[in-house]
Amino acid sequence: MILLDLMMPRMDGLEAILKITSTDPQTHILVLTSFADDERVFQAIKAGALGYLLKDTPRVQLLQAIREVSNGQAFLHPAVALKVMREIYSGGRSGSPLAMRPPKSIL
């Protein structure tokens, strides 16, 4: 399991995720960063990160995320999970009415 930031001195975190997962696709990656913008979140997840947390995450939740990602489970900060759900509901069309609320079958 690798815990990494998206902002690193020698290599961008997204580039690192791509290199790591291309070398060893079974590596579990947890991102811990201060960036919650849609573009970085989706790029990190698409690149292969199993978890995405913000640096304001409480210690207990960080430890839980480390355990779960180590075991191959996904773990997302609640604000990040909401962004991902909105993207899925909108079918990738941000700003869609479905992006603001889940389908009735989920309520």
C-alpha atoms as a PDB file:
ATOM      1  CA  MET A   1       0.000   0.000   0.000  1.00  0.00           C
ATOM      2  CA  ILE A   2       1.284   3.429  -0.932  1.00  0.00           C
ATOM      3  CA  LEU A   3       0.186   6.672   0.704  1.00  0.00           C
ATOM      4  CA  LEU A   4       1.000   9.679  -1.465  1.00  0.00           C
ATOM      5  CA  ASP A   5       0.268  13.339  -2.017  1.00  0.00           C
ATOM      6  CA  LEU A   6      -0.575  14.784  -5.413  1.00  0.00           C
ATOM      7  CA  MET A   7       1.966  17.583  -4.932  1.00  0.00           C
ATOM      8  CA  MET A   8       5.472  16.170  -4.709  1.00  0.00           C
ATOM      9  CA  PRO A   9       8.800  17.843  -5.475  1.00  0.00           C
ATOM     10  CA  ARG A  10      10.169  15.576  -8.225  1.00  0.00           C
ATOM     11  CA  MET A  11       7.077  14.053  -9.758  1.00  0.00           C
ATOM     12  CA  ASP A  12       3.391  14.954  -9.893  1.00  0.00           C
ATOM     13  CA  GLY A  13       1.247  12.559  -7.856  1.00  0.00           C
ATOM     14  CA  LEU A  14      -0.955  11.691 -10.841  1.00  0.00           C
ATOM     15  CA  GLU A  15       2.116  10.775 -12.858  1.00  0.00           C
ATOM     16  CA  ALA A  16       3.356   8.679  -9.934  1.00  0.00           C
ATOM     17  CA  ILE A  17       0.048   6.798  -9.710  1.00  0.00           C
ATOM     18  CA  LEU A  18       0.188   5.991 -13.434  1.00  0.00           C
ATOM     19  CA  LYS A  19       3.788   4.766 -13.192  1.00  0.00           C
ATOM     20  CA  ILE A  20       3.115   2.689 -10.092  1.00  0.00           C
ATOM     21  CA  THR A  21      -0.021   1.035 -11.474  1.00  0.00           C
ATOM     22  CA  SER A  22       1.605   0.353 -14.842  1.00  0.00           C
ATOM     23  CA  THR A  23       4.536  -1.329 -13.080  1.00  0.00           C
ATOM     24  CA  ASP A  24       2.421  -3.221 -10.552  1.00  0.00           C
ATOM     25  CA  PRO A  25      -1.365  -3.049 -11.096  1.00  0.00           C
ATOM     26  CA  GLN A  26      -1.948  -4.820  -7.765  1.00  0.00           C
ATOM     27  CA  THR A  27      -0.477  -1.928  -5.755  1.00  0.00           C
ATOM     28  CA  HIS A  28      -3.058  -0.234  -3.562  1.00  0.00           C
ATOM     29  CA  ILE A  29      -2.749   3.563  -3.552  1.00  0.00           C
ATOM     30  CA  LEU A  30      -4.277   6.008  -1.088  1.00  0.00           C
ATOM     31  CA  VAL A  31      -4.069   9.694  -1.964  1.00  0.00           C
ATOM     32  CA  LEU A  32      -3.806  12.148   0.940  1.00  0.00           C
ATOM     33  CA  THR A  33      -3.904  15.706  -0.356  1.00  0.00           C
ATOM     34  CA  SER A  34      -5.396  19.152   0.060  1.00  0.00           C
ATOM     35  CA  PHE A  35      -6.934  19.153  -3.432  1.00  0.00           C
ATOM     36  CA  ALA A  36     -10.623  18.312  -3.780  1.00  0.00           C
ATOM     37  CA  ASP A  37     -11.253  19.736  -7.246  1.00  0.00           C
ATOM     38  CA  ASP A  38     -13.150  17.440  -9.597  1.00  0.00           C
ATOM     39  CA  GLU A  39     -10.401  17.147 -12.186  1.00  0.00           C
ATOM     40  CA  ARG A  40      -7.727  15.908  -9.770  1.00  0.00           C
ATOM     41  CA  VAL A  41     -10.112  13.589  -7.943  1.00  0.00           C
ATOM     42  CA  PHE A  42     -11.316  11.897 -11.123  1.00  0.00           C
ATOM     43  CA  GLN A  43      -7.822  11.707 -12.632  1.00  0.00           C
ATOM     44  CA  ALA A  44      -6.419  10.067  -9.502  1.00  0.00           C
ATOM     45  CA  ILE A  45      -9.219   7.511  -9.347  1.00  0.00           C
ATOM     46  CA  LYS A  46      -9.037   6.777 -13.078  1.00  0.00           C
ATOM     47  CA  ALA A  47      -5.257   6.405 -12.763  1.00  0.00           C
ATOM     48  CA  GLY A  48      -5.750   3.682 -10.165  1.00  0.00           C
ATOM     49  CA  ALA A  49      -5.991   5.205  -6.684  1.00  0.00           C
ATOM     50  CA  LEU A  50      -8.278   3.171  -4.415  1.00  0.00           C
ATOM     51  CA  GLY A  51      -8.598   5.912  -1.836  1.00  0.00           C
ATOM     52  CA  TYR A  52      -8.704   9.689  -1.797  1.00  0.00           C
ATOM     53  CA  LEU A  53      -8.597  11.687   1.412  1.00  0.00           C
ATOM     54  CA  LEU A  54      -8.170  15.343   2.219  1.00  0.00           C
ATOM     55  CA  LYS A  55      -5.510  16.440   4.669  1.00  0.00           C
ATOM     56  CA  ASP A  56      -8.151  17.611   7.143  1.00  0.00           C
ATOM     57  CA  THR A  57      -9.274  13.990   7.579  1.00  0.00           C
ATOM     58  CA  PRO A  58      -9.385  12.980  11.264  1.00  0.00           C
ATOM     59  CA  ARG A  59      -6.657  10.559  12.379  1.00  0.00           C
ATOM     60  CA  VAL A  60      -9.141   7.764  13.122  1.00  0.00           C
ATOM     61  CA  GLN A  61     -10.573   7.989   9.591  1.00  0.00           C
ATOM     62  CA  LEU A  62      -7.067   8.082   8.068  1.00  0.00           C
ATOM     63  CA  LEU A  63      -6.108   4.908   9.917  1.00  0.00           C
ATOM     64  CA  GLN A  64      -9.348   3.234   8.807  1.00  0.00           C
ATOM     65  CA  ALA A  65      -8.641   4.259   5.198  1.00  0.00           C
ATOM     66  CA  ILE A  66      -5.110   2.847   5.373  1.00  0.00           C
ATOM     67  CA  ARG A  67      -6.461  -0.483   6.638  1.00  0.00           C
ATOM     68  CA  GLU A  68      -9.216  -0.671   4.023  1.00  0.00           C
ATOM     69  CA  VAL A  69      -7.093   0.380   1.050  1.00  0.00           C
ATOM     70  CA  SER A  70      -4.382  -2.067   2.183  1.00  0.00           C
ATOM     71  CA  ASN A  71      -7.036  -4.779   1.918  1.00  0.00           C
ATOM     72  CA  GLY A  72      -8.031  -3.685  -1.582  1.00  0.00           C
ATOM     73  CA  GLN A  73     -11.163  -1.779  -0.601  1.00  0.00           C
ATOM     74  CA  ALA A  74     -12.013   1.733  -1.763  1.00  0.00           C
ATOM     75  CA  PHE A  75     -12.118   4.606   0.699  1.00  0.00           C
ATOM     76  CA  LEU A  76     -13.138   8.169  -0.170  1.00  0.00           C
ATOM     77  CA  HIS A  77     -13.415  11.343   1.859  1.00  0.00           C
ATOM     78  CA  PRO A  78     -17.169  12.140   2.107  1.00  0.00           C
ATOM     79  CA  ALA A  79     -16.808  15.305  -0.020  1.00  0.00           C
ATOM     80  CA  VAL A  80     -14.933  13.302  -2.653  1.00  0.00           C
ATOM     81  CA  ALA A  81     -17.500  10.490  -2.565  1.00  0.00           C
ATOM     82  CA  LEU A  82     -20.239  13.044  -3.246  1.00  0.00           C
ATOM     83  CA  LYS A  83     -18.318  14.382  -6.277  1.00  0.00           C
ATOM     84  CA  VAL A  84     -17.921  10.856  -7.633  1.00  0.00           C
ATOM     85  CA  MET A  85     -21.608  10.074  -7.107  1.00  0.00           C
ATOM     86  CA  ARG A  86     -22.654  13.293  -8.848  1.00  0.00           C
ATOM     87  CA  GLU A  87     -20.416  12.463 -11.778  1.00  0.00           C
ATOM     88  CA  ILE A  88     -21.937   8.978 -12.051  1.00  0.00           C
ATOM     89  CA  TYR A  89     -25.499  10.279 -11.740  1.00  0.00           C
ATOM     90  CA  SER A  90     -24.869  12.866 -14.448  1.00  0.00           C
ATOM     91  CA  GLY A  91     -23.390  10.274 -16.780  1.00  0.00           C
ATOM     92  CA  GLY A  92     -20.221  12.340 -16.940  1.00  0.00           C
ATOM     93  CA  ARG A  93     -22.079  15.536 -17.830  1.00  0.00           C
ATOM     94  CA  SER A  94     -21.306  17.868 -14.922  1.00  0.00           C
ATOM     95  CA  GLY A  95     -24.073  20.350 -14.338  1.00  0.00           C
ATOM     96  CA  SER A  96     -26.809  17.876 -15.291  1.00  0.00           C
ATOM     97  CA  PRO A  97     -29.933  17.970 -13.060  1.00  0.00           C
ATOM     98  CA  LEU A  98     -29.081  14.411 -12.022  1.00  0.00           C
ATOM     99  CA  ALA A  99     -25.703  15.664 -10.816  1.00  0.00           C
ATOM    100  CA  MET A 100     -27.501  17.480  -8.004  1.00  0.00           C
ATOM    101  CA  ARG A 101     -29.553  14.595  -6.648  1.00  0.00           C
ATOM    102  CA  PRO A 102     -29.483  10.805  -6.838  1.00  0.00           C
ATOM    103  CA  PRO A 103     -32.058   8.854  -8.861  1.00  0.00           C
ATOM    104  CA  LYS A 104     -35.320   8.172  -6.991  1.00  0.00           C
ATOM    105  CA  SER A 105     -34.533   4.465  -6.789  1.00  0.00           C
ATOM    106  CA  ILE A 106     -31.572   5.246  -4.489  1.00  0.00           C
ATOM    107  CA  LEU A 107     -33.497   7.508  -2.102  1.00  0.00           C
END
